[in-house]
Amino acid sequence: MIDLRPGGREAVVWLGPRNGERFPVHHRLDISLRKVIRKRWGLVTPWLSVLNVYNRKNVVFYEYTDYFGQPRGRRRGVSLVPILPTLGVEVSF
């Protein structure tokens, strides 16, 4: 990686040993409810789904910043969606 700042110097990202670090433990609970209703013309299935029920902040990837401030830079864990409820209806003829 090349430093593009004025008067910059060449910068190198130092990697640790292979498989030397791991992401934190990842755990998420998703639930879904469905109810099939039979009509004379077909089926109606309303559903409710909730992702990440207890709103855990699971790290999906790390964003690295400030490569030049410290030997390893600073990192910030980025997580996906918080609790996410969705509703829907399926209709079959």
Protein backbone atom coordinates (compact mmCIF):
# COMPACT_ATOMS: atom_id res chain seq x y z
CA MET A 1 0.00 0.00 0.00
CA ILE A 2 1.35 3.43 -0.90
CA ASP A 3 0.74 6.52 1.24
CA LEU A 4 -0.79 9.21 -0.98
CA ARG A 5 -0.32 12.06 1.49
CA PRO A 6 2.11 14.86 0.53
CA GLY A 7 5.64 13.76 1.38
CA GLY A 8 4.19 10.30 1.94
CA ARG A 9 6.14 7.17 2.63
CA GLU A 10 5.47 3.58 1.73
CA ALA A 11 3.28 1.86 4.32
CA VAL A 12 2.92 -1.86 4.87
CA VAL A 13 0.07 -3.72 6.57
CA TRP A 14 1.58 -6.34 8.88
CA LEU A 15 -0.40 -9.54 9.05
CA GLY A 16 -0.28 -11.89 12.03
CA PRO A 17 0.29 -15.62 11.89
CA ARG A 18 -2.07 -17.68 9.76
CA ASN A 19 -5.35 -18.34 11.65
CA GLY A 20 -3.97 -16.27 14.53
CA GLU A 21 -7.22 -14.39 15.19
CA ARG A 22 -10.91 -15.21 15.01
CA PHE A 23 -14.15 -13.28 14.91
CA PRO A 24 -16.11 -13.20 18.18
CA VAL A 25 -18.72 -15.91 18.76
CA HIS A 26 -21.71 -15.39 16.45
CA HIS A 27 -25.22 -16.24 17.60
CA ARG A 28 -28.62 -15.13 16.33
CA LEU A 29 -32.19 -16.34 16.89
CA ASP A 30 -34.74 -16.05 14.07
CA ILE A 31 -38.39 -17.07 14.44
CA SER A 32 -41.19 -17.44 11.93
CA LEU A 33 -44.92 -18.13 12.25
CA ARG A 34 -47.18 -19.29 9.39
CA LYS A 35 -50.88 -20.15 9.27
CA VAL A 36 -52.39 -21.87 6.21
CA ILE A 37 -56.03 -20.90 5.58
CA ARG A 38 -57.95 -22.95 3.00
CA LYS A 39 -60.48 -21.10 0.86
CA ARG A 40 -62.63 -22.62 -1.84
CA TRP A 41 -60.58 -20.82 -4.52
CA GLY A 42 -57.11 -21.63 -3.05
CA LEU A 43 -54.80 -21.12 -0.08
CA VAL A 44 -53.95 -17.98 1.88
CA THR A 45 -50.89 -18.11 4.14
CA PRO A 46 -50.18 -15.07 6.34
CA TRP A 47 -46.74 -15.11 8.00
CA LEU A 48 -44.68 -13.19 10.55
CA SER A 49 -40.89 -13.44 10.70
CA VAL A 50 -38.51 -11.83 13.20
CA LEU A 51 -34.75 -11.79 12.57
CA ASN A 52 -32.24 -11.37 15.40
CA VAL A 53 -34.89 -11.65 18.12
CA TYR A 54 -32.66 -10.61 21.02
CA ASN A 55 -30.82 -7.92 19.05
CA ARG A 56 -27.24 -9.24 19.24
CA LYS A 57 -24.49 -7.17 17.67
CA ASN A 58 -22.70 -9.93 15.72
CA VAL A 59 -19.56 -8.77 13.94
CA VAL A 60 -19.77 -9.48 10.20
CA PHE A 61 -16.53 -7.73 9.24
CA TYR A 62 -14.02 -5.26 10.63
CA GLU A 63 -13.44 -1.80 9.23
CA TYR A 64 -9.85 -0.68 9.67
CA THR A 65 -8.92 3.00 10.05
CA ASP A 66 -5.89 5.04 11.01
CA TYR A 67 -3.24 2.79 9.48
CA PHE A 68 -0.54 5.35 10.23
CA GLY A 69 -1.38 6.10 13.89
CA GLN A 70 -0.53 2.70 15.34
CA PRO A 71 1.41 -0.30 14.07
CA ARG A 72 -1.80 -2.28 13.49
CA GLY A 73 -4.29 0.55 12.99
CA ARG A 74 -7.67 0.74 14.66
CA ARG A 75 -10.59 -1.49 13.85
CA ARG A 76 -14.34 -1.19 14.32
CA GLY A 77 -16.69 -4.17 14.20
CA VAL A 78 -19.61 -3.78 11.80
CA SER A 79 -22.79 -5.76 12.42
CA LEU A 80 -25.85 -6.44 10.29
CA VAL A 81 -29.45 -5.55 11.01
CA PRO A 82 -30.82 -5.13 14.52
CA ILE A 83 -34.14 -6.81 15.35
CA LEU A 84 -36.11 -6.94 12.08
CA PRO A 85 -39.79 -7.98 12.01
CA THR A 86 -41.47 -8.67 8.65
CA LEU A 87 -45.05 -9.53 7.69
CA GLY A 88 -46.33 -11.10 4.51
CA VAL A 89 -49.11 -13.03 2.81
CA GLU A 90 -48.82 -15.85 0.28
CA VAL A 91 -51.77 -16.59 -1.98
CA SER A 92 -52.08 -19.79 -4.06
CA PHE A 93 -54.85 -20.41 -6.59
